Amino acid sequence: MERHHRDAVIVAAVRTPIGRRGGALSAWRPDEMAAFILRELMERAEVSPGLVEDVLLGCATPVGEQGYNVGRLAALMAGFPARVPAVTLNRMCASSDQAAQFASQAIRSGDRDVVIAAGVESMSRVPMGSDGGKLSRLLRQRYDIVPQGISAELMARRWKLSRAELDAYSLRSHERAVAAQRAENFRRELAPIDVALASGERLKLEQDEGPRPGTSLEQIAALPAVFQEDGVVTAGNSSQMSDGAAALLIMAREAAERLGLRPRARFVAHTTVGSDPTLQLDGPVAATQAVLARARLPLAAMDHFEVNEAFASVVLAWAREHHPDEAKLNPRGGGISLGHPLGATGARLLVTMLHALEDRGGRYGLQTMCIGHGMANATIIELEPA
């Protein structure tokens, strides 16, 4: 690995357990959840918040308790000095991955030395889509904008994916997530939370609520299609609506060394692409091609893939085009089993991928995410030697 003093390196990464919509985290305000994960990040890194030059926080629905620049409010609630600025980013599902990309760009350009990339979403308290209104006639004249569930159906149709294939993949997601929980693979990346339930009781949440032990293919196959009467997309082969937060402390290599901190991984390449706004979910195919070209690496060099499980049809279409080693593809589950708290998911994928690479001794990890209205992000990281 060729090192450079301006490499953007990850020195700390942490996330909350993911709560089901209406579950254990539903009584927790998202701004307070974001403040919690920022505090936890700095405590784990043993770095003073006053050294942070910017907080970039992704949120897909920045209204209500997630409004008013929730990134800034969370940093203030977390006890960061008032001089530390913060911004809230919205690239929909990839918001916090975009935060990490912007952090990397600022550091590699020499504009910043120490940046936090984070994300939060409470889909229990802030309904998905509540930041929008009726679409403009000018937009509708140019494009047929449909719900993402319809786009997931179009993806299945274009790549000739059967209901049986989608359901089998979804079962695998749950099986892998449950296996990872039982092996305590998420333990290092999770910050346990003492939460107050709506009933007034208190609970220590130490793992994700989404994975379902004992889920069978028969149970998933029995679920009805949601978006089309004769369709193949169901609640069982789609991501779960969820609550959660995640954060990464990203520095210039020279800053980490100056502070006596060990870089855990460096950003190799990242990109964002646009795709057809109606099909909407095929962008990860092109984003993967683009980020590999930018990194000058073949797909075979990747040791871990995180392809966001917005829908099973997204992941399977991506796999049809790229033919990865399936053992490396979402090996600890994904949005179908773990949950998909929109604005937090990009950072959550990075947190999980980093820890999985460390646990398994891999070198390169690639993550990619489809984005509403036809876009996709992709990011490659390289593990640093221990």
Protein backbone atom coordinates (compact mmCIF):
# COMPACT_ATOMS: atom_id res chain seq x y z
CA MET A 1 0.00 0.00 0.00
CA GLU A 2 1.39 3.38 -1.01
CA ARG A 3 0.90 5.77 1.89
CA HIS A 4 0.52 9.54 1.60
CA HIS A 5 0.40 12.09 4.42
CA ARG A 6 -2.90 13.45 3.05
CA ASP A 7 -4.63 10.05 2.96
CA ALA A 8 -8.09 10.21 4.55
CA VAL A 9 -8.04 7.51 7.22
CA ILE A 10 -10.68 6.14 9.59
CA VAL A 11 -9.52 6.10 13.20
CA ALA A 12 -12.82 5.28 14.94
CA ALA A 13 -16.22 3.94 13.89
CA VAL A 14 -19.32 3.10 15.89
CA ARG A 15 -23.08 2.71 15.52
CA THR A 16 -26.18 2.22 17.57
CA PRO A 17 -28.12 -1.02 17.42
CA ILE A 18 -30.80 -0.65 14.75
CA GLY A 19 -34.33 -0.53 16.12
CA ARG A 20 -37.44 -1.64 14.30
CA ARG A 21 -39.92 1.08 13.43
CA GLY A 22 -42.11 1.37 16.52
CA GLY A 23 -39.57 -0.66 18.50
CA ALA A 24 -37.06 -0.02 21.26
CA LEU A 25 -35.67 3.25 19.82
CA SER A 26 -39.00 4.76 18.82
CA ALA A 27 -39.29 6.86 21.99
CA TRP A 28 -35.84 8.39 21.44
CA ARG A 29 -35.60 11.73 19.64
CA PRO A 30 -33.30 11.44 16.60
CA ASP A 31 -31.38 14.60 17.48
CA GLU A 32 -30.60 13.09 20.88
CA MET A 33 -29.72 9.77 19.23
CA ALA A 34 -27.27 11.60 16.96
CA ALA A 35 -25.77 13.41 19.95
CA PHE A 36 -25.32 10.07 21.70
CA ILE A 37 -23.39 8.52 18.82
CA LEU A 38 -21.17 11.60 18.45
CA ARG A 39 -20.25 11.43 22.14
CA GLU A 40 -19.64 7.70 21.92
CA LEU A 41 -17.38 8.16 18.88
CA MET A 42 -15.17 10.70 20.61
CA GLU A 43 -14.97 8.64 23.79
CA ARG A 44 -13.89 5.56 21.87
CA ALA A 45 -11.30 7.54 19.92
CA GLU A 46 -10.12 9.32 23.09
CA VAL A 47 -10.00 12.55 21.08
CA SER A 48 -11.15 15.95 22.30
CA PRO A 49 -14.23 17.19 20.39
CA GLY A 50 -12.47 20.53 20.12
CA LEU A 51 -10.09 19.05 17.55
CA VAL A 52 -12.95 18.32 15.12
CA GLU A 53 -13.07 20.83 12.28
CA ASP A 54 -16.48 19.85 10.91
CA VAL A 55 -19.35 17.46 11.59
CA LEU A 56 -21.09 16.17 8.43
CA LEU A 57 -24.31 14.36 9.31
CA GLY A 58 -26.52 12.58 6.80
CA CYS A 59 -30.30 12.51 7.18
CA ALA A 60 -32.77 11.55 4.47
CA THR A 61 -35.78 13.29 6.00
CA PRO A 62 -34.46 16.49 7.61
CA VAL A 63 -37.72 17.83 9.04
CA GLY A 64 -39.36 17.89 12.47
CA GLU A 65 -37.01 16.50 15.10
CA GLN A 66 -34.52 15.91 12.28
CA GLY A 67 -34.80 19.48 11.02
CA TYR A 68 -33.13 22.80 11.91
CA ASN A 69 -29.75 21.40 10.75
CA VAL A 70 -29.89 18.41 13.08
CA GLY A 71 -26.14 17.90 12.66
CA ARG A 72 -25.41 21.22 14.36
CA LEU A 73 -27.93 20.65 17.13
CA ALA A 74 -26.59 17.14 17.78
CA ALA A 75 -23.01 18.42 18.05
CA LEU A 76 -24.10 21.08 20.54
CA MET A 77 -26.06 18.53 22.59
CA ALA A 78 -23.06 16.21 22.50
CA GLY A 79 -20.99 18.87 24.26
CA PHE A 80 -18.81 19.87 21.31
CA PRO A 81 -17.40 23.40 21.59
CA ALA A 82 -19.59 25.99 19.89
CA ARG A 83 -16.73 26.77 17.50
CA VAL A 84 -17.08 23.30 15.88
CA PRO A 85 -19.42 23.68 12.87
CA ALA A 86 -21.79 21.06 11.52
CA VAL A 87 -23.99 20.51 8.50
CA THR A 88 -26.83 18.15 7.59
CA LEU A 89 -26.59 16.41 4.20
CA ASN A 90 -29.39 14.82 2.23
CA ARG A 91 -28.55 12.45 -0.59
CA MET A 92 -31.50 10.32 0.47
CA CYS A 93 -30.47 6.71 1.29
CA ALA A 94 -26.77 7.48 0.74
CA SER A 95 -26.72 10.61 2.91
CA SER A 96 -24.16 9.42 5.46
CA ASP A 97 -22.04 7.65 2.84
CA GLN A 98 -22.00 11.01 1.10
CA ALA A 99 -20.91 12.59 4.39
CA ALA A 100 -17.96 10.18 4.46
CA GLN A 101 -17.10 10.95 0.83
CA PHE A 102 -17.20 14.71 1.47
CA ALA A 103 -15.04 14.23 4.59
CA SER A 104 -12.50 12.26 2.57
CA GLN A 105 -12.46 14.90 -0.16
CA ALA A 106 -11.95 17.75 2.33
CA ILE A 107 -9.07 15.93 3.98
CA ARG A 108 -7.35 14.77 0.80
CA SER A 109 -7.56 18.31 -0.63
CA GLY A 110 -5.86 19.75 2.46
CA ASP A 111 -8.91 21.78 3.46
CA ARG A 112 -9.54 19.84 6.72
CA ASP A 113 -7.57 17.51 9.00
CA VAL A 114 -10.20 16.10 11.35
CA VAL A 115 -13.83 15.52 10.28
CA ILE A 116 -16.73 13.44 11.57
CA ALA A 117 -19.02 11.71 9.06
CA ALA A 118 -22.23 10.48 10.63
CA GLY A 119 -25.89 9.76 9.96
CA VAL A 120 -29.18 9.44 11.78
CA GLU A 121 -32.76 8.49 10.97
CA SER A 122 -35.80 7.81 13.10
CA MET A 123 -38.40 6.37 10.77
CA SER A 124 -40.62 5.86 13.81
CA ARG A 125 -40.77 9.56 14.66
CA VAL A 126 -40.24 11.26 11.28
CA PRO A 127 -42.27 9.58 8.51
CA MET A 128 -40.42 8.77 5.30
CA GLY A 129 -41.28 11.33 2.60
CA SER A 130 -42.54 13.95 5.03
CA ASP A 131 -39.96 16.39 3.67
CA GLY A 132 -41.61 16.47 0.25
CA GLY A 133 -44.84 17.48 -1.44
CA LYS A 134 -46.57 16.99 -4.76
CA LEU A 135 -44.08 16.60 -7.61
CA SER A 136 -43.81 19.40 -10.15
CA ARG A 137 -45.65 19.04 -13.43
CA LEU A 138 -42.40 19.98 -15.21
CA LEU A 139 -40.66 16.97 -13.66
CA ARG A 140 -43.56 14.63 -14.42
CA GLN A 141 -43.56 15.75 -18.04
CA ARG A 142 -39.94 14.62 -18.37
CA TYR A 143 -39.91 11.48 -16.23
CA ASP A 144 -42.29 8.87 -14.94
CA ILE A 145 -41.50 9.14 -11.21
CA VAL A 146 -42.84 6.05 -9.45
CA PRO A 147 -42.57 4.70 -5.89
CA GLN A 148 -39.38 2.78 -5.20
CA GLY A 149 -41.39 -0.40 -4.72
CA ILE A 150 -42.54 -0.15 -8.33
CA SER A 151 -38.93 0.43 -9.36
CA ALA A 152 -37.98 -2.73 -7.44
CA GLU A 153 -40.59 -4.58 -9.51
CA LEU A 154 -39.10 -3.11 -12.69
CA MET A 155 -35.65 -4.26 -11.57
CA ALA A 156 -36.92 -7.80 -11.05
CA ARG A 157 -38.56 -7.77 -14.48
CA ARG A 158 -35.50 -6.42 -16.30
CA TRP A 159 -33.11 -8.94 -14.72
CA LYS A 160 -35.66 -11.76 -14.87
CA LEU A 161 -35.58 -12.34 -11.11
CA SER A 162 -38.24 -14.67 -9.79
CA ARG A 163 -40.15 -14.38 -6.52
CA ALA A 164 -38.39 -17.56 -5.37
CA GLU A 165 -34.96 -15.99 -5.96
CA LEU A 166 -35.88 -12.81 -4.09
CA ASP A 167 -37.28 -14.74 -1.15
CA ALA A 168 -34.29 -17.10 -0.98
CA TYR A 169 -31.94 -14.13 -0.88
CA SER A 170 -34.01 -12.52 1.89
CA LEU A 171 -33.87 -15.68 3.98
CA ARG A 172 -30.09 -15.73 3.53
CA SER A 173 -29.91 -12.15 4.79
CA HIS A 174 -31.70 -13.11 8.01
CA GLU A 175 -29.65 -16.27 8.43
CA ARG A 176 -26.38 -14.38 8.04
CA ALA A 177 -27.45 -11.59 10.40
CA VAL A 178 -28.60 -14.06 13.06
CA ALA A 179 -25.35 -16.03 12.71
CA ALA A 180 -23.34 -12.81 13.06
CA GLN A 181 -25.28 -11.87 16.19
CA ARG A 182 -24.75 -15.30 17.75
CA ALA A 183 -21.03 -15.12 16.97
CA GLU A 184 -20.95 -11.60 18.51
CA ASN A 185 -19.54 -10.23 15.27
CA PHE A 186 -21.27 -6.88 15.83
CA ARG A 187 -20.09 -6.47 19.42
CA ARG A 188 -17.13 -4.16 18.72
CA GLU A 189 -19.05 -1.82 16.42
CA LEU A 190 -22.14 -1.41 18.60
CA ALA A 191 -22.73 1.11 21.36
CA PRO A 192 -25.28 -0.46 23.75
CA ILE A 193 -28.10 1.90 24.71
CA ASP A 194 -30.13 2.26 27.88
CA VAL A 195 -33.49 3.27 26.40
CA ALA A 196 -36.81 4.33 27.88
CA LEU A 197 -39.72 2.46 26.33
CA ALA A 198 -43.12 4.03 25.68
CA SER A 199 -44.43 1.99 28.63
CA GLY A 200 -42.01 3.76 30.96
CA GLU A 201 -39.84 0.69 31.39
CA ARG A 202 -36.12 0.81 30.65
CA LEU A 203 -34.25 -1.61 28.41
CA LYS A 204 -30.58 -2.05 27.56
CA LEU A 205 -30.52 -2.56 23.80
CA GLU A 206 -27.34 -4.39 22.86
CA GLN A 207 -28.13 -5.78 19.41
CA ASP A 208 -30.15 -5.03 16.28
CA GLU A 209 -33.85 -5.75 16.55
CA GLY A 210 -34.46 -6.68 12.92
CA PRO A 211 -32.97 -10.16 12.42
CA ARG A 212 -35.53 -12.92 12.90
CA PRO A 213 -34.20 -16.26 14.19
CA GLY A 214 -36.19 -19.18 12.89
CA THR A 215 -37.51 -17.36 9.83
CA SER A 216 -38.36 -19.88 7.13
CA LEU A 217 -38.66 -19.68 3.39
CA GLU A 218 -42.30 -20.75 3.74
CA GLN A 219 -43.03 -17.74 5.97
CA ILE A 220 -41.40 -15.31 3.56
CA ALA A 221 -43.11 -16.91 0.56
CA ALA A 222 -46.52 -16.54 2.21
CA LEU A 223 -46.29 -12.73 2.29
CA PRO A 224 -48.36 -10.89 -0.34
CA ALA A 225 -46.94 -8.60 -3.01
CA VAL A 226 -47.11 -4.99 -1.82
CA PHE A 227 -46.76 -2.76 -4.86
CA GLN A 228 -48.35 -4.74 -7.71
CA GLU A 229 -51.13 -7.29 -7.48
CA ASP A 230 -49.20 -9.78 -9.58
CA GLY A 231 -45.79 -8.57 -8.39
CA VAL A 232 -42.83 -10.21 -6.66
CA VAL A 233 -41.79 -7.48 -4.19
CA THR A 234 -43.04 -8.06 -0.64
CA ALA A 235 -42.32 -6.81 2.85
CA GLY A 236 -40.19 -9.92 3.27
CA ASN A 237 -37.80 -9.18 0.41
CA SER A 238 -37.59 -5.43 1.08
CA SER A 239 -35.61 -3.49 3.67
CA GLN A 240 -37.11 -2.83 7.09
CA MET A 241 -38.06 0.69 8.17
CA SER A 242 -35.82 1.39 11.13
CA ASP A 243 -34.24 3.80 13.60
CA GLY A 244 -30.52 4.23 14.19
CA ALA A 245 -27.34 6.30 14.00
CA ALA A 246 -23.69 5.71 13.03
CA ALA A 247 -20.50 7.78 12.96
CA LEU A 248 -16.87 7.69 11.81
CA LEU A 249 -13.91 9.84 12.83
CA ILE A 250 -11.86 10.57 9.70
CA MET A 251 -8.47 12.28 9.70
CA ALA A 252 -5.53 13.10 7.51
CA ARG A 253 -2.88 10.44 8.04
CA GLU A 254 -0.42 13.07 9.26
CA ALA A 255 -2.96 14.34 11.83
CA ALA A 256 -3.60 10.83 13.14
CA GLU A 257 0.11 10.20 13.48
CA ARG A 258 0.61 13.54 15.23
CA LEU A 259 -2.08 12.61 17.76
CA GLY A 260 -0.70 9.11 18.26
CA LEU A 261 -3.79 7.43 16.75
CA ARG A 262 -3.69 4.29 14.63
CA PRO A 263 -5.32 4.57 11.20
CA ARG A 264 -7.63 1.58 10.73
CA ALA A 265 -8.45 2.03 7.03
CA ARG A 266 -7.99 4.58 4.28
CA PHE A 267 -10.38 5.77 1.60
CA VAL A 268 -9.13 4.53 -1.77
CA ALA A 269 -11.83 5.85 -4.09
CA HIS A 270 -15.44 6.97 -4.14
CA THR A 271 -17.95 8.12 -6.70
CA THR A 272 -21.56 9.06 -7.34
CA VAL A 273 -23.48 8.37 -10.55
CA GLY A 274 -26.87 9.24 -11.93
CA SER A 275 -29.20 6.60 -13.37
CA ASP A 276 -32.66 6.33 -14.88
CA PRO A 277 -35.13 8.07 -12.52
CA THR A 278 -37.91 5.56 -13.26
CA LEU A 279 -35.91 2.34 -12.92
CA GLN A 280 -34.24 4.29 -10.11
CA LEU A 281 -32.40 1.41 -8.37
CA ASP A 282 -29.88 0.15 -10.95
CA GLY A 283 -27.24 2.78 -10.22
CA PRO A 284 -25.02 0.49 -8.07
CA VAL A 285 -24.10 -1.46 -11.22
CA ALA A 286 -22.55 1.59 -12.91
CA ALA A 287 -21.25 3.07 -9.64
CA THR A 288 -19.30 -0.13 -8.97
CA GLN A 289 -17.76 -0.05 -12.43
CA ALA A 290 -16.83 3.62 -11.97
CA VAL A 291 -15.28 3.30 -8.52
CA LEU A 292 -13.21 0.26 -9.52
CA ALA A 293 -11.91 2.18 -12.53
CA ARG A 294 -11.09 5.16 -10.31
CA ALA A 295 -9.24 2.89 -7.87
CA ARG A 296 -7.56 0.97 -10.74
CA LEU A 297 -8.53 -2.28 -9.07
CA PRO A 298 -10.40 -5.36 -10.35
CA LEU A 299 -13.53 -6.64 -8.67
CA ALA A 300 -11.59 -9.76 -7.69
CA ALA A 301 -9.35 -7.65 -5.42
CA MET A 302 -12.29 -6.87 -3.15
CA ASP A 303 -12.53 -8.93 0.04
CA HIS A 304 -15.91 -7.62 1.19
CA PHE A 305 -18.98 -6.14 -0.53
CA GLU A 306 -21.76 -4.17 1.10
CA VAL A 307 -24.54 -3.69 -1.45
CA ASN A 308 -27.38 -2.00 0.37
CA GLU A 309 -30.38 -4.29 0.63
CA ALA A 310 -33.01 -1.68 -0.16
CA PHE A 311 -34.73 -4.53 -2.01
CA ALA A 312 -33.53 -8.04 -2.81
CA SER A 313 -33.93 -7.24 -6.52
CA VAL A 314 -31.27 -4.49 -6.23
CA VAL A 315 -28.64 -6.83 -4.81
CA LEU A 316 -29.42 -9.73 -7.14
CA ALA A 317 -29.38 -7.51 -10.23
CA TRP A 318 -26.01 -6.12 -9.12
CA ALA A 319 -24.72 -9.66 -8.59
CA ARG A 320 -25.96 -10.74 -12.05
CA GLU A 321 -23.86 -7.99 -13.60
CA HIS A 322 -20.70 -8.30 -11.48
CA HIS A 323 -20.56 -12.00 -10.51
CA PRO A 324 -18.97 -11.58 -7.05
CA ASP A 325 -17.94 -14.33 -4.69
CA GLU A 326 -21.28 -14.61 -2.87
CA ALA A 327 -19.58 -15.44 0.42
CA LYS A 328 -18.17 -11.88 0.35
CA LEU A 329 -21.51 -10.22 -0.45
CA ASN A 330 -23.27 -8.83 2.63
CA PRO A 331 -21.78 -11.61 4.78
CA ARG A 332 -23.36 -10.27 7.98
CA GLY A 333 -26.79 -9.50 6.56
CA GLY A 334 -28.12 -6.17 5.40
CA GLY A 335 -31.13 -3.90 5.23
CA ILE A 336 -33.59 -6.76 4.79
CA SER A 337 -32.56 -8.32 8.10
CA LEU A 338 -30.72 -5.64 10.06
CA GLY A 339 -32.87 -2.72 8.95
CA HIS A 340 -32.39 0.42 6.87
CA PRO A 341 -32.53 3.68 8.86
CA LEU A 342 -32.20 5.77 5.71
CA GLY A 343 -29.82 8.60 6.60
CA ALA A 344 -27.71 6.41 8.88
CA THR A 345 -27.30 3.42 6.56
CA GLY A 346 -24.31 4.64 4.52
CA ALA A 347 -22.24 5.17 7.66
CA ARG A 348 -23.59 1.92 9.13
CA LEU A 349 -22.36 -0.01 6.09
CA LEU A 350 -18.90 1.53 6.44
CA VAL A 351 -18.79 0.75 10.17
CA THR A 352 -19.77 -2.88 9.58
CA MET A 353 -17.46 -3.32 6.58
CA LEU A 354 -14.48 -1.93 8.49
CA HIS A 355 -15.00 -4.29 11.42
CA ALA A 356 -15.63 -7.29 9.16
CA LEU A 357 -12.40 -6.64 7.24
CA GLU A 358 -10.52 -6.43 10.53
CA ASP A 359 -12.11 -9.63 11.82
CA ARG A 360 -11.51 -11.65 8.66
CA GLY A 361 -8.14 -10.24 7.67
CA GLY A 362 -9.26 -8.73 4.36
CA ARG A 363 -7.69 -5.80 2.54
CA TYR A 364 -10.24 -4.03 0.32
CA GLY A 365 -13.94 -3.41 0.89
CA LEU A 366 -16.46 -1.94 -1.55
CA GLN A 367 -19.88 -0.61 -0.64
CA THR A 368 -22.55 0.74 -2.94
CA MET A 369 -26.06 2.08 -2.47
CA CYS A 370 -28.98 2.89 -4.73
CA ILE A 371 -30.53 6.33 -4.19
CA GLY A 372 -33.99 7.70 -4.81
CA HIS A 373 -34.79 9.34 -8.16
CA GLY A 374 -31.97 7.43 -9.85
CA MET A 375 -28.48 7.77 -8.37
CA ALA A 376 -25.92 5.61 -6.60
CA ASN A 377 -22.83 5.98 -4.44
CA ALA A 378 -19.86 3.63 -4.23
CA THR A 379 -16.88 3.71 -1.88
CA ILE A 380 -13.73 1.58 -1.58
CA ILE A 381 -11.66 1.42 1.60
CA GLU A 382 -8.37 -0.37 2.27
CA LEU A 383 -7.55 -1.84 5.65
CA GLU A 384 -4.37 -0.53 7.26
CA PRO A 385 -1.77 -3.01 8.54
CA ALA A 386 -2.26 -3.76 12.26
